[in-house]
Amino acid sequence: MNTDIDFMNITESDKAFVEEFENFVNGRVSNPEKTGMAMTTMHRYLQQQAFKVFIGYVKALAHNYRMGRYDQRNEWASKLADEAYNHLIEADLIYDPEYINLKNK
Protein backbone atom coordinates (compact mmCIF):
# COMPACT_ATOMS: atom_id res chain seq x y z
CA MET A 1 0.00 0.00 0.00
CA ASN A 2 1.44 3.34 -1.04
CA THR A 3 0.19 6.05 1.29
CA ASP A 4 1.83 8.97 -0.49
CA ILE A 5 -1.07 11.24 -1.50
CA ASP A 6 0.69 12.26 -4.73
CA PHE A 7 0.40 8.70 -5.98
CA MET A 8 -3.05 7.90 -4.69
CA ASN A 9 -5.96 7.82 -7.06
CA ILE A 10 -8.24 10.23 -5.22
CA THR A 11 -10.27 13.15 -6.44
CA GLU A 12 -9.25 16.78 -6.16
CA SER A 13 -12.01 17.35 -3.60
CA ASP A 14 -10.65 14.49 -1.46
CA LYS A 15 -7.15 15.97 -1.69
CA ALA A 16 -8.57 19.37 -0.70
CA PHE A 17 -10.20 17.80 2.36
CA VAL A 18 -6.90 16.19 3.40
CA GLU A 19 -5.12 19.54 3.09
CA GLU A 20 -7.85 21.37 5.04
CA PHE A 21 -7.90 18.73 7.76
CA GLU A 22 -4.11 18.89 7.97
CA ASN A 23 -4.34 22.65 8.48
CA PHE A 24 -7.06 22.17 11.09
CA VAL A 25 -5.07 19.73 13.24
CA ASN A 26 -1.92 21.82 12.78
CA GLY A 27 -2.81 24.57 15.21
CA ARG A 28 -6.53 25.23 14.85
CA VAL A 29 -7.97 22.33 16.83
CA SER A 30 -8.24 23.20 20.51
CA ASN A 31 -9.33 19.82 21.90
CA PRO A 32 -9.05 16.75 19.62
CA GLU A 33 -11.07 14.51 21.95
CA LYS A 34 -13.97 16.94 22.30
CA THR A 35 -13.89 17.67 18.58
CA GLY A 36 -14.11 13.95 17.86
CA MET A 37 -16.95 13.59 20.34
CA ALA A 38 -18.78 16.53 18.73
CA MET A 39 -18.66 14.70 15.41
CA THR A 40 -21.20 12.25 16.85
CA THR A 41 -23.81 14.99 16.49
CA MET A 42 -23.62 14.68 12.71
CA HIS A 43 -26.40 12.94 10.83
CA ARG A 44 -26.09 9.20 11.44
CA TYR A 45 -25.40 8.41 7.80
CA LEU A 46 -22.62 11.01 7.84
CA GLN A 47 -21.20 9.44 10.99
CA GLN A 48 -20.95 6.20 9.02
CA GLN A 49 -19.16 7.97 6.16
CA ALA A 50 -16.80 9.79 8.54
CA PHE A 51 -15.98 6.49 10.22
CA LYS A 52 -15.02 5.02 6.85
CA VAL A 53 -12.52 7.87 6.44
CA PHE A 54 -11.22 7.14 9.95
CA ILE A 55 -10.80 3.43 9.16
CA GLY A 56 -8.93 4.30 5.96
CA TYR A 57 -6.56 6.44 8.00
CA VAL A 58 -6.08 3.72 10.62
CA LYS A 59 -5.44 1.18 7.86
CA ALA A 60 -2.75 3.36 6.26
CA LEU A 61 -1.03 4.00 9.59
CA ALA A 62 -1.16 0.28 10.44
CA HIS A 63 0.33 -0.70 7.09
CA ASN A 64 3.04 1.92 7.51
CA TYR A 65 3.82 0.66 11.00
CA ARG A 66 4.15 -2.91 9.76
CA MET A 67 6.55 -1.74 7.04
CA GLY A 68 8.58 0.40 9.44
CA ARG A 69 7.49 3.67 7.81
CA TYR A 70 7.19 5.82 10.92
CA ASP A 71 9.45 7.75 13.25
CA GLN A 72 9.28 9.18 16.77
CA ARG A 73 6.87 11.91 15.66
CA ASN A 74 4.12 9.45 14.72
CA GLU A 75 5.20 6.22 16.41
CA TRP A 76 2.43 6.33 19.03
CA ALA A 77 -0.32 6.87 16.45
CA SER A 78 1.15 4.23 14.13
CA LYS A 79 1.54 1.60 16.85
CA LEU A 80 -1.94 2.28 18.23
CA ALA A 81 -3.41 2.07 14.72
CA ASP A 82 -1.60 -1.23 14.12
CA GLU A 83 -2.93 -2.70 17.37
CA ALA A 84 -6.49 -1.55 16.66
CA TYR A 85 -6.48 -2.61 13.01
CA ASN A 86 -5.00 -6.01 13.86
CA HIS A 87 -7.75 -6.52 16.46
CA LEU A 88 -10.45 -5.66 13.90
CA ILE A 89 -8.99 -8.24 11.53
CA GLU A 90 -8.72 -10.91 14.24
CA ALA A 91 -12.36 -10.23 15.19
CA ASP A 92 -13.37 -10.77 11.52
CA LEU A 93 -14.69 -7.22 11.30
CA ILE A 94 -12.25 -6.26 8.53
CA TYR A 95 -10.75 -8.42 5.78
CA ASP A 96 -7.32 -7.32 4.61
CA PRO A 97 -5.07 -10.16 3.37
CA GLU A 98 -2.39 -7.66 2.31
CA TYR A 99 -1.99 -6.49 5.92
CA ILE A 100 -1.90 -10.02 7.30
CA ASN A 101 1.04 -10.84 5.02
CA LEU A 102 3.08 -7.80 6.05
CA LYS A 103 6.06 -8.45 8.24
CA ASN A 104 5.57 -6.97 11.71
CA LYS A 105 8.70 -4.90 12.35
PDB file of N, CA and C in Angstrom:
ATOM      1  N   MET A   1       0.852  -1.175   0.000  1.00  0.00           N
ATOM      2  CA  MET A   1       0.000   0.000   0.000  1.00  0.00           C
ATOM      3  C   MET A   1       0.897   1.237   0.000  1.00  0.00           C
ATOM      4  N   ASN A   2       0.694   2.077  -0.965  1.00  0.00           N
ATOM      5  CA  ASN A   2       1.440   3.341  -1.037  1.00  0.00           C
ATOM      6  C   ASN A   2       0.562   4.420  -0.449  1.00  0.00           C
ATOM      7  N   THR A   3       1.027   5.050   0.632  1.00  0.00           N
ATOM      8  CA  THR A   3       0.190   6.055   1.287  1.00  0.00           C
ATOM      9  C   THR A   3       0.627   7.473   0.963  1.00  0.00           C
ATOM     10  N   ASP A   4       1.429   7.636  -0.060  1.00  0.00           N
ATOM     11  CA  ASP A   4       1.830   8.973  -0.491  1.00  0.00           C
ATOM     12  C   ASP A   4       0.701   9.559  -1.324  1.00  0.00           C
ATOM     13  N   ILE A   5       0.124  10.667  -0.854  1.00  0.00           N
ATOM     14  CA  ILE A   5      -1.069  11.241  -1.504  1.00  0.00           C
ATOM     15  C   ILE A   5      -0.823  11.600  -2.969  1.00  0.00           C
ATOM     16  N   ASP A   6       0.417  11.926  -3.345  1.00  0.00           N
ATOM     17  CA  ASP A   6       0.694  12.265  -4.729  1.00  0.00           C
ATOM     18  C   ASP A   6       0.475  11.083  -5.667  1.00  0.00           C
ATOM     19  N   PHE A   7       0.528   9.878  -5.136  1.00  0.00           N
ATOM     20  CA  PHE A   7       0.399   8.700  -5.976  1.00  0.00           C
ATOM     21  C   PHE A   7      -0.950   8.012  -5.818  1.00  0.00           C
ATOM     22  N   MET A   8      -1.751   8.521  -4.919  1.00  0.00           N
ATOM     23  CA  MET A   8      -3.050   7.895  -4.694  1.00  0.00           C
ATOM     24  C   MET A   8      -4.039   8.368  -5.741  1.00  0.00           C
ATOM     25  N   ASN A   9      -4.930   7.506  -6.078  1.00  0.00           N
ATOM     26  CA  ASN A   9      -5.957   7.819  -7.057  1.00  0.00           C
ATOM     27  C   ASN A   9      -7.187   8.351  -6.317  1.00  0.00           C
ATOM     28  N   ILE A  10      -7.109   9.616  -5.895  1.00  0.00           N
ATOM     29  CA  ILE A  10      -8.244  10.235  -5.223  1.00  0.00           C
ATOM     30  C   ILE A  10      -8.593  11.518  -5.954  1.00  0.00           C
ATOM     31  N   THR A  11      -9.800  11.965  -5.744  1.00  0.00           N
ATOM     32  CA  THR A  11     -10.273  13.152  -6.443  1.00  0.00           C
ATOM     33  C   THR A  11      -9.644  14.418  -5.873  1.00  0.00           C
ATOM     34  N   GLU A  12      -9.768  15.484  -6.624  1.00  0.00           N
ATOM     35  CA  GLU A  12      -9.249  16.778  -6.163  1.00  0.00           C
ATOM     36  C   GLU A  12      -9.976  17.235  -4.901  1.00  0.00           C
ATOM     37  N   SER A  13     -11.279  16.938  -4.799  1.00  0.00           N
ATOM     38  CA  SER A  13     -12.011  17.346  -3.595  1.00  0.00           C
ATOM     39  C   SER A  13     -11.540  16.552  -2.377  1.00  0.00           C
ATOM     40  N   ASP A  14     -11.200  15.284  -2.570  1.00  0.00           N
ATOM     41  CA  ASP A  14     -10.653  14.491  -1.461  1.00  0.00           C
ATOM     42  C   ASP A  14      -9.282  15.034  -1.041  1.00  0.00           C
ATOM     43  N   LYS A  15      -8.455  15.390  -2.012  1.00  0.00           N
ATOM     44  CA  LYS A  15      -7.148  15.975  -1.692  1.00  0.00           C
ATOM     45  C   LYS A  15      -7.325  17.296  -0.950  1.00  0.00           C
ATOM     46  N   ALA A  16      -8.313  18.091  -1.360  1.00  0.00           N
ATOM     47  CA  ALA A  16      -8.569  19.373  -0.696  1.00  0.00           C
ATOM     48  C   ALA A  16      -8.993  19.150   0.753  1.00  0.00           C
ATOM     49  N   PHE A  17      -9.814  18.110   0.992  1.00  0.00           N
ATOM     50  CA  PHE A  17     -10.203  17.801   2.361  1.00  0.00           C
ATOM     51  C   PHE A  17      -8.980  17.442   3.196  1.00  0.00           C
ATOM     52  N   VAL A  18      -8.098  16.598   2.666  1.00  0.00           N
ATOM     53  CA  VAL A  18      -6.901  16.188   3.399  1.00  0.00           C
ATOM     54  C   VAL A  18      -6.074  17.417   3.772  1.00  0.00           C
ATOM     55  N   GLU A  19      -5.900  18.322   2.822  1.00  0.00           N
ATOM     56  CA  GLU A  19      -5.119  19.539   3.093  1.00  0.00           C
ATOM     57  C   GLU A  19      -5.806  20.410   4.146  1.00  0.00           C
ATOM     58  N   GLU A  20      -7.124  20.556   4.062  1.00  0.00           N
ATOM     59  CA  GLU A  20      -7.850  21.369   5.039  1.00  0.00           C
ATOM     60  C   GLU A  20      -7.802  20.729   6.421  1.00  0.00           C
ATOM     61  N   PHE A  21      -7.958  19.420   6.476  1.00  0.00           N
ATOM     62  CA  PHE A  21      -7.897  18.730   7.760  1.00  0.00           C
ATOM     63  C   PHE A  21      -6.494  18.836   8.359  1.00  0.00           C
ATOM     64  N   GLU A  22      -5.492  18.726   7.518  1.00  0.00           N
ATOM     65  CA  GLU A  22      -4.106  18.895   7.974  1.00  0.00           C
ATOM     66  C   GLU A  22      -3.926  20.277   8.598  1.00  0.00           C
ATOM     67  N   ASN A  23      -4.433  21.294   7.943  1.00  0.00           N
ATOM     68  CA  ASN A  23      -4.343  22.652   8.479  1.00  0.00           C
ATOM     69  C   ASN A  23      -5.114  22.777   9.798  1.00  0.00           C
ATOM     70  N   PHE A  24      -6.255  22.114   9.881  1.00  0.00           N
ATOM     71  CA  PHE A  24      -7.060  22.166  11.094  1.00  0.00           C
ATOM     72  C   PHE A  24      -6.312  21.570  12.288  1.00  0.00           C
ATOM     73  N   VAL A  25      -5.744  20.374  12.109  1.00  0.00           N
ATOM     74  CA  VAL A  25      -5.065  19.729  13.235  1.00  0.00           C
ATOM     75  C   VAL A  25      -3.705  20.355  13.523  1.00  0.00           C
ATOM     76  N   ASN A  26      -3.201  21.159  12.592  1.00  0.00           N
ATOM     77  CA  ASN A  26      -1.916  21.823  12.779  1.00  0.00           C
ATOM     78  C   ASN A  26      -2.124  23.229  13.352  1.00  0.00           C
ATOM     79  N   GLY A  27      -2.729  23.289  14.530  1.00  0.00           N
ATOM     80  CA  GLY A  27      -2.811  24.565  15.211  1.00  0.00           C
ATOM     81  C   GLY A  27      -4.187  25.145  15.410  1.00  0.00           C
ATOM     82  N   ARG A  28      -5.200  24.659  14.690  1.00  0.00           N
ATOM     83  CA  ARG A  28      -6.532  25.234  14.852  1.00  0.00           C
ATOM     84  C   ARG A  28      -7.432  24.415  15.768  1.00  0.00           C
ATOM     85  N   VAL A  29      -7.141  23.141  15.944  1.00  0.00           N
ATOM     86  CA  VAL A  29      -7.969  22.328  16.833  1.00  0.00           C
ATOM     87  C   VAL A  29      -7.572  22.637  18.275  1.00  0.00           C
ATOM     88  N   SER A  30      -8.565  22.884  19.117  1.00  0.00           N
ATOM     89  CA  SER A  30      -8.239  23.202  20.510  1.00  0.00           C
ATOM     90  C   SER A  30      -8.322  21.976  21.409  1.00  0.00           C
ATOM     91  N   ASN A  31      -9.191  21.019  21.082  1.00  0.00           N
ATOM     92  CA  ASN A  31      -9.334  19.823  21.896  1.00  0.00           C
ATOM     93  C   ASN A  31      -9.721  18.659  20.985  1.00  0.00           C
ATOM     94  N   PRO A  32      -8.750  17.845  20.558  1.00  0.00           N
ATOM     95  CA  PRO A  32      -9.052  16.749  19.624  1.00  0.00           C
ATOM     96  C   PRO A  32     -10.125  15.786  20.135  1.00  0.00           C
ATOM     97  N   GLU A  33     -10.089  15.458  21.428  1.00  0.00           N
ATOM     98  CA  GLU A  33     -11.072  14.510  21.951  1.00  0.00           C
ATOM     99  C   GLU A  33     -12.483  15.084  21.893  1.00  0.00           C
ATOM    100  N   LYS A  34     -12.645  16.325  22.338  1.00  0.00           N
ATOM    101  CA  LYS A  34     -13.968  16.939  22.304  1.00  0.00           C
ATOM    102  C   LYS A  34     -14.444  17.163  20.874  1.00  0.00           C
ATOM    103  N   THR A  35     -13.522  17.502  19.990  1.00  0.00           N
ATOM    104  CA  THR A  35     -13.889  17.673  18.580  1.00  0.00           C
ATOM    105  C   THR A  35     -14.386  16.357  18.011  1.00  0.00           C
ATOM    106  N   GLY A  36     -13.672  15.270  18.305  1.00  0.00           N
ATOM    107  CA  GLY A  36     -14.112  13.952  17.858  1.00  0.00           C
ATOM    108  C   GLY A  36     -15.469  13.586  18.430  1.00  0.00           C
ATOM    109  N   MET A  37     -15.666  13.888  19.706  1.00  0.00           N
ATOM    110  CA  MET A  37     -16.950  13.595  20.336  1.00  0.00           C
ATOM    111  C   MET A  37     -18.066  14.424  19.705  1.00  0.00           C
ATOM    112  N   ALA A  38     -17.768  15.665  19.352  1.00  0.00           N
ATOM    113  CA  ALA A  38     -18.777  16.529  18.731  1.00  0.00           C
ATOM    114  C   ALA A  38     -19.197  16.002  17.366  1.00  0.00           C
ATOM    115  N   MET A  39     -18.324  15.257  16.725  1.00  0.00           N
ATOM    116  CA  MET A  39     -18.662  14.701  15.413  1.00  0.00           C
ATOM    117  C   MET A  39     -19.811  13.704  15.500  1.00  0.00           C
ATOM    118  N   THR A  40     -20.085  13.192  16.710  1.00  0.00           N
ATOM    119  CA  THR A  40     -21.201  12.253  16.853  1.00  0.00           C
ATOM    120  C   THR A  40     -22.551  12.948  16.768  1.00  0.00           C
ATOM    121  N   THR A  41     -22.554  14.271  16.662  1.00  0.00           N
ATOM    122  CA  THR A  41     -23.814  14.993  16.488  1.00  0.00           C
ATOM    123  C   THR A  41     -24.196  15.110  15.011  1.00  0.00           C
ATOM    124  N   MET A  42     -23.300  14.659  14.142  1.00  0.00           N
ATOM    125  CA  MET A  42     -23.618  14.683  12.707  1.00  0.00           C
ATOM    126  C   MET A  42     -24.768  13.712  12.424  1.00  0.00           C
ATOM    127  N   HIS A  43     -25.382  13.870  11.294  1.00  0.00           N
ATOM    128  CA  HIS A  43     -26.401  12.935  10.827  1.00  0.00           C
ATOM    129  C   HIS A  43     -25.818  11.525  10.878  1.00  0.00           C
ATOM    130  N   ARG A  44     -26.611  10.558  11.241  1.00  0.00           N
ATOM    131  CA  ARG A  44     -26.086   9.195  11.444  1.00  0.00           C
ATOM    132  C   ARG A  44     -25.472   8.600  10.182  1.00  0.00           C
ATOM    133  N   TYR A  45     -26.029   8.891   9.036  1.00  0.00           N
ATOM    134  CA  TYR A  45     -25.396   8.414   7.797  1.00  0.00           C
ATOM    135  C   TYR A  45     -24.017   9.048   7.635  1.00  0.00           C
ATOM    136  N   LEU A  46     -23.899  10.330   7.970  1.00  0.00           N
ATOM    137  CA  LEU A  46     -22.620  11.013   7.842  1.00  0.00           C
ATOM    138  C   LEU A  46     -21.611  10.504   8.875  1.00  0.00           C
ATOM    139  N   GLN A  47     -22.100  10.077  10.035  1.00  0.00           N
ATOM    140  CA  GLN A  47     -21.205   9.436  10.993  1.00  0.00           C
ATOM    141  C   GLN A  47     -20.597   8.177  10.382  1.00  0.00           C
ATOM    142  N   GLN A  48     -21.420   7.421   9.683  1.00  0.00           N
ATOM    143  CA  GLN A  48     -20.950   6.199   9.023  1.00  0.00           C
ATOM    144  C   GLN A  48     -19.890   6.531   7.977  1.00  0.00           C
ATOM    145  N   GLN A  49     -20.125   7.563   7.191  1.00  0.00           N
ATOM    146  CA  GLN A  49     -19.164   7.967   6.158  1.00  0.00           C
ATOM    147  C   GLN A  49     -17.864   8.476   6.795  1.00  0.00           C
ATOM    148  N   ALA A  50     -17.988   9.278   7.845  1.00  0.00           N
ATOM    149  CA  ALA A  50     -16.797   9.788   8.536  1.00  0.00           C
ATOM    150  C   ALA A  50     -15.991   8.645   9.128  1.00  0.00           C
ATOM    151  N   PHE A  51     -16.682   7.633   9.634  1.00  0.00           N
ATOM    152  CA  PHE A  51     -15.980   6.490  10.216  1.00  0.00           C
ATOM    153  C   PHE A  51     -15.214   5.720   9.150  1.00  0.00           C
ATOM    154  N   LYS A  52     -15.745   5.661   7.946  1.00  0.00           N
ATOM    155  CA  LYS A  52     -15.020   5.015   6.847  1.00  0.00           C
ATOM    156  C   LYS A  52     -13.718   5.754   6.551  1.00  0.00           C
ATOM    157  N   VAL A  53     -13.747   7.080   6.623  1.00  0.00           N
ATOM    158  CA  VAL A  53     -12.521   7.871   6.445  1.00  0.00           C
ATOM    159  C   VAL A  53     -11.542   7.537   7.566  1.00  0.00           C
ATOM    160  N   PHE A  54     -12.046   7.487   8.789  1.00  0.00           N
ATOM    161  CA  PHE A  54     -11.221   7.141   9.945  1.00  0.00           C
ATOM    162  C   PHE A  54     -10.574   5.767   9.770  1.00  0.00           C
ATOM    163  N   ILE A  55     -11.344   4.779   9.357  1.00  0.00           N
ATOM    164  CA  ILE A  55     -10.803   3.425   9.164  1.00  0.00           C
ATOM    165  C   ILE A  55      -9.739   3.429   8.066  1.00  0.00           C
ATOM    166  N   GLY A  56      -9.953   4.196   7.013  1.00  0.00           N
ATOM    167  CA  GLY A  56      -8.934   4.300   5.962  1.00  0.00           C
ATOM    168  C   GLY A  56      -7.636   4.874   6.499  1.00  0.00           C
ATOM    169  N   TYR A  57      -7.736   5.846   7.375  1.00  0.00           N
ATOM    170  CA  TYR A  57      -6.556   6.445   8.002  1.00  0.00           C
ATOM    171  C   TYR A  57      -5.859   5.444   8.918  1.00  0.00           C
ATOM    172  N   VAL A  58      -6.642   4.736   9.735  1.00  0.00           N
ATOM    173  CA  VAL A  58      -6.078   3.718  10.623  1.00  0.00           C
ATOM    174  C   VAL A  58      -5.390   2.632   9.799  1.00  0.00           C
ATOM    175  N   LYS A  59      -6.021   2.218   8.722  1.00  0.00           N
ATOM    176  CA  LYS A  59      -5.440   1.183   7.858  1.00  0.00           C
ATOM    177  C   LYS A  59      -4.085   1.631   7.312  1.00  0.00           C
ATOM    178  N   ALA A  60      -4.012   2.855   6.824  1.00  0.00           N
ATOM    179  CA  ALA A  60      -2.754   3.360   6.261  1.00  0.00           C
ATOM    180  C   ALA A  60      -1.670   3.443   7.325  1.00  0.00           C
ATOM    181  N   LEU A  61      -2.018   3.935   8.513  1.00  0.00           N
ATOM    182  CA  LEU A  61      -1.029   3.996   9.593  1.00  0.00           C
ATOM    183  C   LEU A  61      -0.572   2.599  10.002  1.00  0.00           C
ATOM    184  N   ALA A  62      -1.498   1.659  10.067  1.00  0.00           N
ATOM    185  CA  ALA A  62      -1.161   0.283  10.443  1.00  0.00           C
ATOM    186  C   ALA A  62      -0.235  -0.355   9.412  1.00  0.00           C
ATOM    187  N   HIS A  63      -0.540  -0.170   8.148  1.00  0.00           N
ATOM    188  CA  HIS A  63       0.327  -0.702   7.092  1.00  0.00           C
ATOM    189  C   HIS A  63       1.714  -0.066   7.195  1.00  0.00           C
ATOM    190  N   ASN A  64       1.756   1.238   7.381  1.00  0.00           N
ATOM    191  CA  ASN A  64       3.044   1.920   7.508  1.00  0.00           C
ATOM    192  C   ASN A  64       3.833   1.403   8.704  1.00  0.00           C
ATOM    193  N   TYR A  65       3.149   1.168   9.811  1.00  0.00           N
ATOM    194  CA  TYR A  65       3.817   0.655  11.005  1.00  0.00           C
ATOM    195  C   TYR A  65       4.423  -0.713  10.719  1.00  0.00           C
ATOM    196  N   ARG A  66       3.661  -1.566  10.080  1.00  0.00           N
ATOM    197  CA  ARG A  66       4.149  -2.913   9.763  1.00  0.00           C
ATOM    198  C   ARG A  66       5.368  -2.874   8.837  1.00  0.00           C
ATOM    199  N   MET A  67       5.426  -1.847   7.989  1.00  0.00           N
ATOM    200  CA  MET A  67       6.547  -1.739   7.043  1.00  0.00           C
ATOM    201  C   MET A  67       7.678  -0.874   7.589  1.00  0.00           C
ATOM    202  N   GLY A  68       7.533  -0.413   8.828  1.00  0.00           N
ATOM    203  CA  GLY A  68       8.578   0.398   9.442  1.00  0.00           C
ATOM    204  C   GLY A  68       8.629   1.828   8.935  1.00  0.00           C
ATOM    205  N   ARG A  69       7.537   2.300   8.344  1.00  0.00           N
ATOM    206  CA  ARG A  69       7.490   3.666   7.813  1.00  0.00           C
ATOM    207  C   ARG A  69       6.853   4.617   8.826  1.00  0.00           C
ATOM    208  N   TYR A  70       7.601   4.881   9.880  1.00  0.00           N
ATOM    209  CA  TYR A  70       7.190   5.823  10.919  1.00  0.00           C
ATOM    210  C   TYR A  70       8.456   6.273  11.633  1.00  0.00           C
ATOM    211  N   ASP A  71       8.330   7.322  12.420  1.00  0.00           N
ATOM    212  CA  ASP A  71       9.449   7.752  13.247  1.00  0.00           C
ATOM    213  C   ASP A  71       8.894   8.203  14.594  1.00  0.00           C
ATOM    214  N   GLN A  72       9.713   8.812  15.426  1.00  0.00           N
ATOM    215  CA  GLN A  72       9.279   9.181  16.767  1.00  0.00           C
ATOM    216  C   GLN A  72       8.102  10.148  16.767  1.00  0.00           C
ATOM    217  N   ARG A  73       7.958  10.935  15.707  1.00  0.00           N
ATOM    218  CA  ARG A  73       6.867  11.912  15.663  1.00  0.00           C
ATOM    219  C   ARG A  73       5.499  11.262  15.539  1.00  0.00           C
ATOM    220  N   ASN A  74       5.423  10.103  14.892  1.00  0.00           N
ATOM    221  CA  ASN A  74       4.120   9.453  14.721  1.00  0.00           C
ATOM    222  C   ASN A  74       4.121   7.996  15.168  1.00  0.00           C
ATOM    223  N   GLU A  75       5.114   7.618  15.959  1.00  0.00           N
ATOM    224  CA  GLU A  75       5.201   6.224  16.414  1.00  0.00           C
ATOM    225  C   GLU A  75       3.987   5.811  17.242  1.00  0.00           C
ATOM    226  N   TRP A  76       3.563   6.669  18.179  1.00  0.00           N
ATOM    227  CA  TRP A  76       2.427   6.332  19.031  1.00  0.00           C
ATOM    228  C   TRP A  76       1.179   6.096  18.190  1.00  0.00           C
ATOM    229  N   ALA A  77       0.876   7.007  17.287  1.00  0.00           N
ATOM    230  CA  ALA A  77      -0.320   6.865  16.445  1.00  0.00           C
ATOM    231  C   ALA A  77      -0.212   5.625  15.559  1.00  0.00           C
ATOM    232  N   SER A  78       0.963   5.380  15.013  1.00  0.00           N
ATOM    233  CA  SER A  78       1.154   4.229  14.128  1.00  0.00           C
ATOM    234  C   SER A  78       1.015   2.917  14.876  1.00  0.00           C
ATOM    235  N   LYS A  79       1.618   2.835  16.051  1.00  0.00           N
ATOM    236  CA  LYS A  79       1.536   1.602  16.848  1.00  0.00           C
ATOM    237  C   LYS A  79       0.104   1.366  17.312  1.00  0.00           C
ATOM    238  N   LEU A  80      -0.557   2.406  17.782  1.00  0.00           N
ATOM    239  CA  LEU A  80      -1.937   2.275  18.226  1.00  0.00           C
ATOM    240  C   LEU A  80      -2.841   1.851  17.064  1.00  0.00           C
ATOM    241  N   ALA A  81      -2.630   2.443  15.897  1.00  0.00           N
ATOM    242  CA  ALA A  81      -3.407   2.070  14.715  1.00  0.00           C
ATOM    243  C   ALA A  81      -3.174   0.606  14.359  1.00  0.00           C
ATOM    244  N   ASP A  82      -1.923   0.167  14.430  1.00  0.00           N
ATOM    245  CA  ASP A  82      -1.599  -1.225  14.121  1.00  0.00           C
ATOM    246  C   ASP A  82      -2.306  -2.172  15.086  1.00  0.00           C
ATOM    247  N   GLU A  83      -2.265  -1.857  16.371  1.00  0.00           N
ATOM    248  CA  GLU A  83      -2.935  -2.705  17.372  1.00  0.00           C
ATOM    249  C   GLU A  83      -4.439  -2.760  17.113  1.00  0.00           C
ATOM    250  N   ALA A  84      -5.042  -1.611  16.880  1.00  0.00           N
ATOM    251  CA  ALA A  84      -6.490  -1.552  16.663  1.00  0.00           C
ATOM    252  C   ALA A  84      -6.880  -2.279  15.377  1.00  0.00           C
ATOM    253  N   TYR A  85      -6.154  -2.009  14.295  1.00  0.00           N
ATOM    254  CA  TYR A  85      -6.479  -2.610  13.006  1.00  0.00           C
ATOM    255  C   TYR A  85      -6.308  -4.129  13.064  1.00  0.00           C
ATOM    256  N   ASN A  86      -5.242  -4.568  13.709  1.00  0.00           N
ATOM    257  CA  ASN A  86      -5.005  -6.006  13.861  1.00  0.00           C
ATOM    258  C   ASN A  86      -6.153  -6.652  14.641  1.00  0.00           C
ATOM    259  N   HIS A  87      -6.626  -5.993  15.680  1.00  0.00           N
ATOM    260  CA  HIS A  87      -7.750  -6.524  16.459  1.00  0.00           C
ATOM    261  C   HIS A  87      -9.006  -6.627  15.596  1.00  0.00           C
ATOM    262  N   LEU A  88      -9.274  -5.619  14.778  1.00  0.00           N
ATOM    263  CA  LEU A  88     -10.447  -5.659  13.904  1.00  0.00           C
ATOM    264  C   LEU A  88     -10.364  -6.816  12.913  1.00  0.00           C
ATOM    265  N   ILE A  89      -9.173  -7.102  12.440  1.00  0.00           N
ATOM    266  CA  ILE A  89      -8.987  -8.237  11.529  1.00  0.00           C
ATOM    267  C   ILE A  89      -9.195  -9.554  12.272  1.00  0.00           C
ATOM    268  N   GLU A  90      -8.577  -9.680  13.452  1.00  0.00           N
ATOM    269  CA  GLU A  90      -8.721 -10.907  14.238  1.00  0.00           C
ATOM    270  C   GLU A  90     -10.166 -11.163  14.645  1.00  0.00           C
ATOM    271  N   ALA A  91     -10.940 -10.106  14.828  1.00  0.00           N
ATOM    272  CA  ALA A  91     -12.356 -10.229  15.191  1.00  0.00           C
ATOM    273  C   ALA A  91     -13.252 -10.429  13.964  1.00  0.00           C
ATOM    274  N   ASP A  92     -12.637 -10.586  12.791  1.00  0.00           N
ATOM    275  CA  ASP A  92     -13.367 -10.770  11.524  1.00  0.00           C
ATOM    276  C   ASP A  92     -14.308  -9.609  11.216  1.00  0.00           C
ATOM    277  N   LEU A  93     -13.913  -8.405  11.617  1.00  0.00           N
ATOM    278  CA  LEU A  93     -14.691  -7.219  11.295  1.00  0.00           C
ATOM    279  C   LEU A  93     -14.153  -6.526  10.046  1.00  0.00           C
ATOM    280  N   ILE A  94     -12.896  -6.802   9.723  1.00  0.00           N
ATOM    281  CA  ILE A  94     -12.247  -6.263   8.529  1.00  0.00           C
ATOM    282  C   ILE A  94     -11.478  -7.397   7.875  1.00  0.00           C
ATOM    283  N   TYR A  95     -11.520  -7.439   6.547  1.00  0.00           N
ATOM    284  CA  TYR A  95     -10.754  -8.421   5.784  1.00  0.00           C
ATOM    285  C   TYR A  95      -9.689  -7.670   5.005  1.00  0.00           C
ATOM    286  N   ASP A  96      -8.431  -7.988   5.279  1.00  0.00           N
ATOM    287  CA  ASP A  96      -7.317  -7.320   4.609  1.00  0.00           C
ATOM    288  C   ASP A  96      -6.138  -8.285   4.501  1.00  0.00           C
ATOM    289  N   PRO A  97      -6.153  -9.170   3.487  1.00  0.00           N
ATOM    290  CA  PRO A  97      -5.069 -10.156   3.372  1.00  0.00           C
ATOM    291  C   PRO A  97      -3.704  -9.518   3.138  1.00  0.00           C
ATOM    292  N   GLU A  98      -3.667  -8.349   2.533  1.00  0.00           N
ATOM    293  CA  GLU A  98      -2.386  -7.659   2.310  1.00  0.00           C
ATOM    294  C   GLU A  98      -1.728  -7.324   3.652  1.00  0.00           C
ATOM    295  N   TYR A  99      -2.503  -6.837   4.582  1.00  0.00           N
ATOM    296  CA  TYR A  99      -1.993  -6.487   5.920  1.00  0.00           C
ATOM    297  C   TYR A  99      -1.485  -7.717   6.657  1.00  0.00           C
ATOM    298  N   ILE A 100      -2.248  -8.788   6.589  1.00  0.00           N
ATOM    299  CA  ILE A 100      -1.899 -10.021   7.297  1.00  0.00           C
ATOM    300  C   ILE A 100      -0.539 -10.523   6.835  1.00  0.00           C
ATOM    301  N   ASN A 101      -0.230 -10.349   5.563  1.00  0.00           N
ATOM    302  CA  ASN A 101       1.036 -10.844   5.016  1.00  0.00           C
ATOM    303  C   ASN A 101       2.217  -9.906   5.247  1.00  0.00           C
ATOM    304  N   LEU A 102       1.975  -8.721   5.788  1.00  0.00           N
ATOM    305  CA  LEU A 102       3.079  -7.805   6.053  1.00  0.00           C
ATOM    306  C   LEU A 102       3.882  -8.272   7.237  1.00  0.00           C
ATOM    307  N   LYS A 103       5.171  -8.095   7.145  1.00  0.00           N
ATOM    308  CA  LYS A 103       6.056  -8.446   8.242  1.00  0.00           C
ATOM    309  C   LYS A 103       5.889  -7.408   9.351  1.00  0.00           C
ATOM    310  N   ASN A 104       5.685  -7.879  10.567  1.00  0.00           N
ATOM    311  CA  ASN A 104       5.571  -6.967  11.709  1.00  0.00           C
ATOM    312  C   ASN A 104       6.966  -6.610  12.184  1.00  0.00           C
ATOM    313  N   LYS A 105       7.340  -5.325  12.010  1.00  0.00           N
ATOM    314  CA  LYS A 105       8.704  -4.898  12.348  1.00  0.00           C
ATOM    315  C   LYS A 105       8.794  -4.462  13.769  1.00  0.00           C
TER     316      LYS A 105
END
